[in-house]
Protein backbone atom coordinates (compact mmCIF):
# COMPACT_ATOMS: atom_id res chain seq x y z
CA MET A 1 82.28 122.72 98.64
CA PRO A 2 85.42 122.40 96.18
CA LYS A 3 85.28 118.61 94.66
CA LEU A 4 88.06 115.97 95.86
CA LYS A 5 90.87 115.10 94.07
CA THR A 6 91.07 111.16 93.50
CA ARG A 7 95.07 109.95 93.69
CA LYS A 8 96.16 108.84 90.48
CA ALA A 9 98.31 106.01 91.71
CA ALA A 10 95.44 104.41 93.71
CA ILE A 11 93.09 104.34 90.65
CA LYS A 12 95.81 102.48 88.75
CA ARG A 13 96.14 99.91 91.67
CA TYR A 14 92.66 99.34 92.90
CA LYS A 15 89.12 98.51 91.54
CA LYS A 16 85.69 99.17 93.58
CA THR A 17 83.24 96.49 93.44
CA ALA A 18 79.50 96.40 93.41
CA ALA A 19 79.51 95.62 97.19
CA GLY A 20 81.95 98.32 98.03
CA ASN A 21 84.50 96.36 98.35
CA TYR A 22 88.22 97.35 96.71
CA LEU A 23 90.20 94.43 94.57
CA ARG A 24 93.81 94.45 94.28
CA ARG A 25 96.55 92.41 92.73
CA HIS A 26 99.25 90.52 94.62
CA ALA A 27 102.98 91.89 94.76
CA TYR A 28 106.15 89.69 93.81
CA LYS A 29 104.63 89.34 90.01
CA GLY A 30 106.78 91.98 88.27
CA HIS A 31 110.08 90.47 87.57
CA LEU A 32 112.42 87.40 88.83
CA LEU A 33 109.88 84.59 87.55
CA MET A 34 112.40 82.05 86.26
CA HIS A 35 112.94 80.73 90.20
CA LYS A 36 109.15 81.01 91.35
CA SER A 37 106.98 77.77 90.60
CA LYS A 38 104.39 78.02 88.03
CA THR A 39 101.77 77.39 91.11
CA GLN A 40 103.40 80.74 92.82
CA LYS A 41 103.33 82.55 89.61
CA ARG A 42 99.44 81.38 89.18
CA LYS A 43 98.62 81.97 92.48
CA LEU A 44 99.89 85.42 92.21
CA SER A 45 97.80 86.26 89.13
CA ARG A 46 94.72 86.50 90.97
CA THR A 47 93.09 89.65 92.34
CA VAL A 48 91.89 89.50 96.01
CA CYS A 49 90.12 91.94 98.13
CA VAL A 50 91.66 94.49 99.93
CA SER A 51 91.56 93.53 103.99
CA PRO A 52 89.37 95.42 106.24
CA SER A 53 91.93 97.79 107.87
CA ASP A 54 93.58 99.04 104.60
CA LYS A 55 90.14 99.84 103.34
CA LYS A 56 89.89 103.54 105.20
CA PRO A 57 92.68 104.50 103.71
CA ILE A 58 91.90 103.42 100.31
CA LYS A 59 88.33 104.91 100.22
CA LEU A 60 89.82 108.52 101.48
CA MET A 61 92.15 108.25 97.90
CA LEU A 62 89.20 107.43 95.92
CA PRO A 63 86.34 109.80 96.83
CA TYR A 64 84.38 108.72 94.14
């Protein structure tokens, strides 16, 4: 059986935890930051777990 390829875009965006979950970063933190409040920017800086409905496609993109 041939090796499965890893999606390089996905490996840059998601990190697998020991419990089998995936961590992701928030969107809207890349640019246009002057009009956003400090509170909003601080909350967008945190990493969060991927929702269960998005877990299966990410698992297919990251086989190892």
